Every structure is written in C-alpha cells, then in structure tokens.
Amino acid sequence: MKIKRFNDKRNIVAELITDAREKKNMSRVELSQKLELYGIYLHRNEIYRIENNLALVKDFELAALAKVLDLDLNKIKDLIDS
C-alpha cells in the first residue's frame, strides 16, 4: 500500500492545529476530551501524530478539530500553495 503524501507531508494542517491548540493553552488530552463531545475519538497520541505530520487527517476529524479550536477552514486553502 502506498503512503499518501502531499509535498512529502501526510497532512497540511499539522502546524495550524498545533498553533491553535497552544494558543488556547489546551493540552492534547483536553483536545481529545473536547473532540469526544462531537463523537470524534482521537487519543492524545493520535493528536501528537497529526501535529507532527505522522498521520493523515480524515475530513470529519478536521471538521471537529476546526470547531473545537475555532479554526477558519478557509485558511486550509492557503496551505496548498505553501
């Protein structure tokens, strides 16, 4: 099975998610707990893997992350050009 990548990255939102989480002074455990309220079960280790570009992000996970972290999904379009 081929590992999917874009510009040698497994996701393009790693830095965006990390920055937003840190600006909210939220730990990965706290983020994981808030995501559970939306039915998204990401263990703190999986959040670590996403933030360090070691894991893909599913669309429904991204939507929940954006909601919890108050991310503007329009910013993601700009990341394609980076």
C-alpha atoms as a PDB file:
ATOM      1  CA  MET A   1       0.000   0.000   0.000  1.00  0.00           C
ATOM      2  CA  LYS A   2       1.368   3.406  -0.972  1.00  0.00           C
ATOM      3  CA  ILE A   3       1.519   6.053   1.738  1.00  0.00           C
ATOM      4  CA  LYS A   4      -0.341   9.157   0.608  1.00  0.00           C
ATOM      5  CA  ARG A   5       1.590  12.401   0.819  1.00  0.00           C
ATOM      6  CA  PHE A   6       1.468  15.966  -0.456  1.00  0.00           C
ATOM      7  CA  ASN A   7       4.824  17.743  -0.726  1.00  0.00           C
ATOM      8  CA  ASP A   8       6.255  14.910   1.365  1.00  0.00           C
ATOM      9  CA  LYS A   9       3.761  15.543   4.193  1.00  0.00           C
ATOM     10  CA  ARG A  10       0.971  13.284   5.416  1.00  0.00           C
ATOM     11  CA  ASN A  11      -1.213  16.306   6.181  1.00  0.00           C
ATOM     12  CA  ILE A  12      -1.025  20.044   5.620  1.00  0.00           C
ATOM     13  CA  VAL A  13      -2.752  21.158   8.817  1.00  0.00           C
ATOM     14  CA  ALA A  14      -0.212  19.993  11.412  1.00  0.00           C
ATOM     15  CA  GLU A  15       1.156  23.442  12.226  1.00  0.00           C
ATOM     16  CA  LEU A  16      -2.275  25.088  12.052  1.00  0.00           C
ATOM     17  CA  ILE A  17      -3.701  22.618  14.575  1.00  0.00           C
ATOM     18  CA  THR A  18      -0.685  22.816  16.885  1.00  0.00           C
ATOM     19  CA  ASP A  19      -0.685  26.628  16.882  1.00  0.00           C
ATOM     20  CA  ALA A  20      -4.429  26.837  17.534  1.00  0.00           C
ATOM     21  CA  ARG A  21      -4.258  24.289  20.370  1.00  0.00           C
ATOM     22  CA  GLU A  22      -1.327  26.059  22.011  1.00  0.00           C
ATOM     23  CA  LYS A  23      -2.984  29.498  21.687  1.00  0.00           C
ATOM     24  CA  LYS A  24      -5.908  28.080  23.645  1.00  0.00           C
ATOM     25  CA  ASN A  25      -3.479  26.680  26.253  1.00  0.00           C
ATOM     26  CA  MET A  26      -5.066  23.293  25.663  1.00  0.00           C
ATOM     27  CA  SER A  27      -3.276  20.006  26.205  1.00  0.00           C
ATOM     28  CA  ARG A  28      -3.664  17.125  23.784  1.00  0.00           C
ATOM     29  CA  VAL A  29      -5.669  15.301  26.456  1.00  0.00           C
ATOM     30  CA  GLU A  30      -8.057  18.250  26.766  1.00  0.00           C
ATOM     31  CA  LEU A  31      -8.406  18.442  22.995  1.00  0.00           C
ATOM     32  CA  SER A  32      -9.121  14.727  22.861  1.00  0.00           C
ATOM     33  CA  GLN A  33     -11.846  15.116  25.511  1.00  0.00           C
ATOM     34  CA  LYS A  34     -13.487  18.033  23.688  1.00  0.00           C
ATOM     35  CA  LEU A  35     -13.478  16.093  20.408  1.00  0.00           C
ATOM     36  CA  GLU A  36     -15.284  13.225  22.146  1.00  0.00           C
ATOM     37  CA  LEU A  37     -18.244  15.566  22.698  1.00  0.00           C
ATOM     38  CA  TYR A  38     -18.648  15.544  18.898  1.00  0.00           C
ATOM     39  CA  GLY A  39     -18.235  11.782  18.638  1.00  0.00           C
ATOM     40  CA  ILE A  40     -14.645  12.003  17.405  1.00  0.00           C
ATOM     41  CA  TYR A  41     -12.311   9.680  19.276  1.00  0.00           C
ATOM     42  CA  LEU A  42      -8.698  10.751  18.819  1.00  0.00           C
ATOM     43  CA  HIS A  43      -6.322   9.642  21.551  1.00  0.00           C
ATOM     44  CA  ARG A  44      -3.700  12.187  22.614  1.00  0.00           C
ATOM     45  CA  ASN A  45      -1.103  10.046  20.849  1.00  0.00           C
ATOM     46  CA  GLU A  46      -3.027  10.314  17.582  1.00  0.00           C
ATOM     47  CA  ILE A  47      -3.234  14.088  18.013  1.00  0.00           C
ATOM     48  CA  TYR A  48       0.541  14.061  18.532  1.00  0.00           C
ATOM     49  CA  ARG A  49       0.936  12.078  15.297  1.00  0.00           C
ATOM     50  CA  ILE A  50      -1.279  14.557  13.406  1.00  0.00           C
ATOM     51  CA  GLU A  51       0.602  17.566  14.806  1.00  0.00           C
ATOM     52  CA  ASN A  52       3.944  16.016  13.885  1.00  0.00           C
ATOM     53  CA  ASN A  53       2.884  15.095  10.363  1.00  0.00           C
ATOM     54  CA  LEU A  54       2.939  11.372  11.039  1.00  0.00           C
ATOM     55  CA  ALA A  55      -0.765  10.734  10.392  1.00  0.00           C
ATOM     56  CA  LEU A  56      -3.437  11.562   7.861  1.00  0.00           C
ATOM     57  CA  VAL A  57      -6.432  13.629   8.980  1.00  0.00           C
ATOM     58  CA  LYS A  58      -9.890  12.473   7.950  1.00  0.00           C
ATOM     59  CA  ASP A  59     -12.350  15.126   6.818  1.00  0.00           C
ATOM     60  CA  PHE A  60     -14.709  14.603   9.767  1.00  0.00           C
ATOM     61  CA  GLU A  61     -11.754  14.830  12.174  1.00  0.00           C
ATOM     62  CA  LEU A  62     -10.668  18.080  10.550  1.00  0.00           C
ATOM     63  CA  ALA A  63     -14.183  19.498  10.818  1.00  0.00           C
ATOM     64  CA  ALA A  64     -14.330  18.666  14.530  1.00  0.00           C
ATOM     65  CA  LEU A  65     -10.812  19.986  15.141  1.00  0.00           C
ATOM     66  CA  ALA A  66     -11.778  23.240  13.409  1.00  0.00           C
ATOM     67  CA  LYS A  67     -14.892  23.567  15.550  1.00  0.00           C
ATOM     68  CA  VAL A  68     -13.126  22.869  18.853  1.00  0.00           C
ATOM     69  CA  LEU A  69     -10.108  25.038  18.031  1.00  0.00           C
ATOM     70  CA  ASP A  70     -12.085  27.847  16.320  1.00  0.00           C
ATOM     71  CA  LEU A  71     -10.146  27.375  13.092  1.00  0.00           C
ATOM     72  CA  ASP A  72     -11.158  29.082   9.880  1.00  0.00           C
ATOM     73  CA  LEU A  73     -11.313  26.283   7.309  1.00  0.00           C
ATOM     74  CA  ASN A  74     -10.622  28.848   4.575  1.00  0.00           C
ATOM     75  CA  LYS A  75      -7.039  29.065   5.885  1.00  0.00           C
ATOM     76  CA  ILE A  76      -6.515  25.488   4.745  1.00  0.00           C
ATOM     77  CA  LYS A  77      -6.851  26.530   1.109  1.00  0.00           C
ATOM     78  CA  ASP A  78      -3.846  28.796   1.559  1.00  0.00           C
ATOM     79  CA  LEU A  79      -1.766  25.894   2.865  1.00  0.00           C
ATOM     80  CA  ILE A  80      -1.918  24.128  -0.515  1.00  0.00           C
ATOM     81  CA  ASP A  81       0.231  26.882  -2.021  1.00  0.00           C
ATOM     82  CA  SER A  82       2.792  26.824   0.799  1.00  0.00           C
END
